[in-house]
Protein backbone atom coordinates (compact mmCIF):
# COMPACT_ATOMS: atom_id res chain seq x y z
CA MET A 1 -0.99 -13.82 16.96
CA ALA A 2 0.32 -14.47 13.64
CA LEU A 3 2.68 -11.76 12.39
CA GLU A 4 3.24 -12.14 8.24
CA THR A 5 5.15 -9.69 5.91
CA GLU A 6 3.70 -8.04 2.50
CA PRO A 7 3.10 -9.15 -0.31
CA LEU A 8 3.53 -12.90 0.19
CA LEU A 9 1.46 -13.49 -2.70
CA LYS A 10 3.46 -12.24 -5.51
CA HIS A 11 6.66 -14.04 -5.44
CA ARG A 12 9.08 -14.62 -8.41
CA LYS A 13 9.76 -18.81 -9.34
CA ALA A 14 11.11 -19.92 -6.21
CA GLU A 15 14.75 -20.58 -5.45
CA PRO A 16 16.17 -23.48 -3.94
CA ALA A 17 16.88 -23.00 -0.26
CA ASP A 18 17.34 -25.00 2.81
CA VAL A 19 15.26 -24.71 5.66
CA LYS A 20 17.04 -25.28 8.79
CA PRO A 21 16.99 -25.14 12.56
CA MET A 22 17.29 -21.22 13.80
CA ARG A 23 20.27 -20.56 15.80
CA TYR A 24 20.85 -17.86 17.95
CA LEU A 25 23.41 -16.70 16.60
CA HIS A 26 20.98 -15.61 13.88
CA LEU A 27 18.46 -13.63 15.77
CA TRP A 28 20.45 -10.31 14.82
CA ARG A 29 19.68 -11.16 11.18
CA ALA A 30 16.21 -11.96 12.04
CA LEU A 31 15.47 -9.22 14.36
CA ASP A 32 16.34 -6.81 11.55
CA THR A 33 14.00 -8.78 8.85
CA THR A 34 10.97 -8.43 11.36
CA ALA A 35 11.92 -5.02 11.50
CA LYS A 36 11.42 -4.05 8.15
CA ALA A 37 9.07 -6.75 7.50
CA PHE A 38 6.77 -6.11 9.60
CA ALA A 39 7.05 -1.99 9.41
CA THR A 40 3.58 -1.40 7.41
CA GLY A 41 1.76 -4.51 8.49
CA SER A 42 -1.53 -3.07 9.84
CA LEU A 43 -2.16 -5.69 12.78
CA VAL A 44 1.59 -4.58 14.47
CA THR A 45 0.90 -0.19 13.49
CA TYR A 46 -2.32 -0.48 15.15
CA LEU A 47 -1.38 -2.71 18.18
CA ASP A 48 1.53 -1.21 18.84
CA LEU A 49 3.47 0.97 16.00
CA ASN A 50 0.37 3.46 16.00
CA ILE A 51 0.09 3.65 19.39
CA ALA A 52 4.42 4.46 19.64
CA LEU A 53 3.92 7.43 16.65
CA GLN A 54 -0.24 8.79 17.66
CA ALA A 55 -1.20 7.85 21.41
CA PRO A 56 -0.22 10.84 23.83
CA ASP A 57 0.74 8.34 26.98
CA ALA A 58 3.13 6.47 24.75
CA ILE A 59 6.90 7.18 24.75
CA PRO A 60 8.16 6.30 20.81
CA VAL A 61 12.16 5.30 21.92
CA VAL A 62 10.34 3.07 25.15
CA SER A 63 7.97 1.70 23.30
CA SER A 64 10.51 0.84 20.33
CA ILE A 65 12.88 -0.56 22.96
CA ARG A 66 10.34 -2.50 24.72
CA ARG A 67 9.10 -3.54 21.03
CA TRP A 68 12.86 -5.07 20.28
CA LEU A 69 13.39 -6.48 23.73
CA PHE A 70 10.18 -8.29 23.46
CA ARG A 71 10.83 -9.78 19.77
CA LEU A 72 14.60 -11.00 21.22
CA THR A 73 12.71 -12.73 24.14
CA VAL A 74 9.97 -14.63 22.43
CA PHE A 75 12.55 -15.68 19.79
CA ALA A 76 15.19 -16.84 21.58
CA SER A 77 12.46 -18.71 23.08
CA GLY A 78 11.39 -20.53 20.31
CA ILE A 79 15.27 -20.98 18.79
CA TYR A 80 15.40 -22.81 22.39
CA GLN A 81 12.47 -24.80 22.54
CA GLY A 82 13.23 -25.87 18.84
CA HIS A 83 10.31 -24.06 16.95
CA MET A 84 11.88 -22.09 14.24
CA LEU A 85 12.81 -22.40 10.67
CA THR A 86 14.80 -20.22 9.27
CA ILE A 87 16.32 -19.69 5.34
CA GLY A 88 19.02 -17.67 5.15
CA GLY A 89 20.40 -17.68 8.52
CA GLY A 90 17.79 -15.40 9.52
CA THR A 91 16.74 -13.79 6.07
CA ALA A 92 13.14 -15.90 6.27
CA PHE A 93 11.57 -17.21 9.30
CA VAL A 94 8.33 -19.21 10.95
CA LEU A 95 7.83 -19.49 14.82
CA TYR A 96 5.40 -22.02 14.97
CA GLY A 97 3.47 -23.78 18.06
CA THR A 98 3.23 -27.56 18.59
CA PRO A 99 0.10 -29.11 20.34
CA ASN A 100 0.10 -31.45 23.37
CA GLN A 101 3.05 -30.02 24.72
CA PRO A 102 4.06 -28.71 28.24
CA ASN A 103 5.23 -25.52 28.28
CA LYS A 104 8.97 -25.82 28.01
CA SER A 105 9.71 -22.29 27.56
CA PRO A 106 12.76 -21.66 29.95
CA TRP A 107 12.36 -19.00 33.32
CA TRP A 108 14.17 -15.85 31.13
CA ALA A 109 11.27 -16.07 28.83
CA ARG A 110 8.50 -16.77 31.32
CA PHE A 111 9.83 -13.66 33.38
CA PHE A 112 10.79 -11.05 31.09
CA ILE A 113 8.16 -11.97 27.61
CA PRO A 114 4.96 -10.17 30.05
CA LEU A 115 7.86 -6.96 30.87
CA PHE A 116 8.32 -6.55 27.81
CA GLN A 117 5.38 -7.31 25.91
CA GLY A 118 4.53 -3.71 23.76
CA SER A 119 4.02 -0.38 25.51
CA LYS A 120 1.70 -1.24 27.99
CA THR A 121 0.35 2.31 28.04
CA PRO A 122 -3.04 2.34 28.67
CA GLU A 123 -4.26 2.43 24.74
CA TYR A 124 -1.70 -0.17 24.24
CA ILE A 125 -3.99 -2.05 26.59
CA LYS A 126 -7.19 -0.93 25.93
CA ARG A 127 -6.08 -2.44 21.91
CA LYS A 128 -4.94 -5.62 23.29
CA GLU A 129 -7.99 -6.40 25.33
CA GLU A 130 -10.48 -4.97 21.99
CA TYR A 131 -7.80 -7.88 20.22
CA HIS A 132 -8.45 -10.73 22.77
CA GLY A 133 -11.94 -9.42 23.31
CA ALA A 134 -12.90 -9.90 18.98
CA LEU A 135 -11.13 -13.04 18.35
CA ASP A 136 -10.54 -15.23 21.17
CA PRO A 137 -14.69 -16.08 21.17
CA GLN A 138 -14.12 -16.49 17.70
CA VAL A 139 -10.77 -19.01 18.05
CA LYS A 140 -12.83 -21.43 20.74
CA GLU A 141 -15.98 -21.09 18.77
CA ALA A 142 -14.73 -22.15 15.29
CA LEU A 143 -11.55 -24.86 16.90
CA GLY A 144 -13.23 -25.20 20.25
CA ALA A 145 -11.11 -28.08 22.32
CA SER A 146 -9.04 -29.22 19.04
CA VAL A 147 -7.07 -25.86 19.12
CA ASP A 148 -4.78 -27.95 21.35
CA GLU A 149 -4.45 -30.48 19.23
CA MET A 150 -2.93 -28.38 16.20
CA TYR A 151 0.10 -26.69 15.24
CA GLU A 152 -0.16 -22.66 15.01
CA ILE A 153 2.08 -20.31 12.94
CA GLN A 154 3.04 -17.89 15.86
CA ALA A 155 4.93 -15.50 13.26
CA LEU A 156 6.47 -15.50 9.29
CA ALA A 157 8.65 -12.83 8.11
CA THR A 158 10.61 -12.78 5.11
CA ALA A 159 13.44 -9.80 4.81
CA PRO A 160 12.17 -7.17 1.94
CA LYS A 161 15.33 -7.84 -0.29
CA ALA A 162 14.18 -11.83 0.01
CA GLN A 163 10.78 -11.20 -0.60
CA ARG A 164 8.80 -13.22 -3.99
CA ARG A 165 11.43 -15.85 -3.95
CA GLY A 166 8.80 -18.45 -2.70
CA TYR A 167 11.00 -18.23 1.17
CA ALA A 168 7.28 -18.05 3.32
CA ARG A 169 5.70 -20.65 1.37
CA GLN A 170 8.58 -22.82 1.28
CA LEU A 171 8.87 -22.71 5.66
CA ILE A 172 5.43 -23.24 5.27
CA LYS A 173 4.96 -26.23 3.56
CA THR A 174 7.92 -27.54 5.97
CA VAL A 175 5.85 -26.49 9.26
CA THR A 176 2.24 -28.40 7.75
CA ASP A 177 3.93 -31.26 4.89
CA ILE A 178 7.48 -32.57 5.30
CA ALA A 179 7.46 -35.69 7.40
CA ARG A 180 10.58 -36.97 6.83
CA ASN A 181 12.79 -34.23 8.60
CA TYR A 182 10.13 -32.85 10.70
CA ARG A 183 7.54 -34.63 13.15
CA LEU A 184 5.97 -31.90 11.85
CA ALA A 185 1.29 -31.41 11.06
CA ASP A 186 0.46 -33.56 8.20
CA ALA A 187 3.00 -36.48 9.64
CA GLU A 188 0.80 -36.75 12.99
CA GLY A 189 -2.66 -36.07 10.80
CA ARG A 190 -2.95 -32.59 12.95
CA ASP A 191 -4.46 -29.39 11.50
CA THR A 192 -2.36 -26.43 11.34
CA TRP A 193 -4.18 -22.91 12.50
CA VAL A 194 -3.14 -18.99 11.84
CA THR A 195 -4.44 -15.56 12.77
CA THR A 196 -3.31 -13.00 9.83
CA SER A 197 -4.35 -9.25 9.13
CA ASP A 198 -2.81 -9.33 5.59
CA GLY A 199 -1.85 -12.58 4.54
CA SER A 200 -5.10 -14.58 4.28
CA ALA A 201 -4.30 -14.80 0.63
CA PHE A 202 -0.79 -16.02 0.70
CA TYR A 203 -2.20 -19.11 3.08
CA GLU A 204 -5.42 -20.08 1.23
CA ALA A 205 -3.19 -20.51 -1.21
CA GLN A 206 -0.83 -22.79 1.35
CA GLY A 207 -4.60 -24.98 1.68
CA PHE A 208 -6.02 -23.20 4.82
CA GLU A 209 -9.59 -21.51 4.82
CA VAL A 210 -10.49 -18.58 6.37
CA LEU A 211 -12.92 -19.68 9.48
CA ARG A 212 -13.63 -15.60 10.99
CA VAL A 213 -13.25 -12.24 9.88
CA VAL A 214 -12.90 -9.91 12.76
CA THR A 215 -12.45 -6.00 12.26
CA LEU A 216 -10.76 -3.68 14.78
CA GLY A 217 -10.88 -0.06 15.17
CA THR A 218 -14.43 1.21 14.12
CA ASP A 219 -14.45 2.27 17.44
CA ASN A 220 -11.48 3.58 19.19
CA PRO A 221 -11.84 7.56 18.10
CA THR A 222 -7.44 7.84 18.55
CA TYR A 223 -7.50 5.69 15.49
CA HIS A 224 -7.72 7.37 12.02
CA GLY A 225 -6.66 4.69 9.70
CA GLU A 226 -8.53 2.01 7.99
CA PRO A 227 -10.11 -0.68 9.77
CA VAL A 228 -8.18 -3.58 10.22
CA LYS A 229 -9.59 -7.43 9.74
CA VAL A 230 -8.08 -10.65 11.24
CA HIS A 231 -8.73 -13.76 9.60
CA LEU A 232 -8.90 -17.20 11.44
CA MET A 233 -7.48 -19.05 9.36
CA ARG A 234 -7.06 -23.70 9.33
CA ARG A 235 -5.29 -25.92 7.05
CA PRO A 236 -6.92 -29.92 7.60
CA ALA A 237 -4.34 -32.50 7.48
CA LYS A 238 -3.49 -34.33 4.74
CA ALA A 239 -2.64 -37.85 4.76
CA PRO A 240 1.25 -38.47 4.28
CA VAL A 241 2.22 -39.62 0.86
CA LEU A 242 4.20 -42.77 1.75
CA GLU A 243 6.85 -43.86 -0.89
CA ASP A 244 7.03 -47.62 -1.52
CA ALA A 245 5.07 -50.69 0.07
CA HIS A 246 7.38 -50.81 3.05
CA SER A 247 6.68 -47.23 4.55
CA ALA A 248 2.98 -48.49 4.54
CA GLY A 249 2.66 -50.17 7.69
CA THR A 250 4.26 -47.78 10.13
CA ASN A 251 5.41 -44.06 10.23
CA ASP A 252 8.78 -43.54 11.41
CA ALA A 253 8.23 -40.14 11.54
CA VAL A 254 5.62 -40.70 14.18
CA ALA A 255 6.34 -43.90 15.58
């Protein structure tokens, strides 16, 4: 599941910014960015925040603490694996998954992530099952075994004060396009995929196409908001641009 911030498309002229690997010292700012950027996200609200605020079997403080610890562990694991990029030291960031690699997450992440994942109330479990029950078959049907060969955008966020500067677009472009500095999607001829509830227009502008749309919340008596639409999207790989004749024979990014 990809997390994203709104509005992603309504940006001003992009400001020059360095995309750098996320470091552990950026975690606290990234967590603050996440909390503020995802506060009104429709999927996050449906799966977690709405439960903490409305469901009778949830304890809001416990839910909030577990959600914070879950994100902390996921992001720390992403940094450990080298799968997080940032602009402004956590002001904007992307977490991505790489294809065909064994689980290199540290033991502490494999132990704590299941413990911290959400509120673990019956209502939360029900909604997670609804999410996976609706989306997983669509991923299997639309992407099949090739999903294991793709990159995945797993989280994307920009702090509200830094939105509309093109940071999200720059981070996605780094994951999908730039072969010189990172061994990423286009450099290896691999597609990229994402699931998003609020950012489909943004991802379409970055070259992604909608493959499937699933709807959540329509048959849930404890949920009183608008149905949540989750888009499964894919961006086909593009051939990297060769700078000169000497680079036509081999690509040092994939050698």
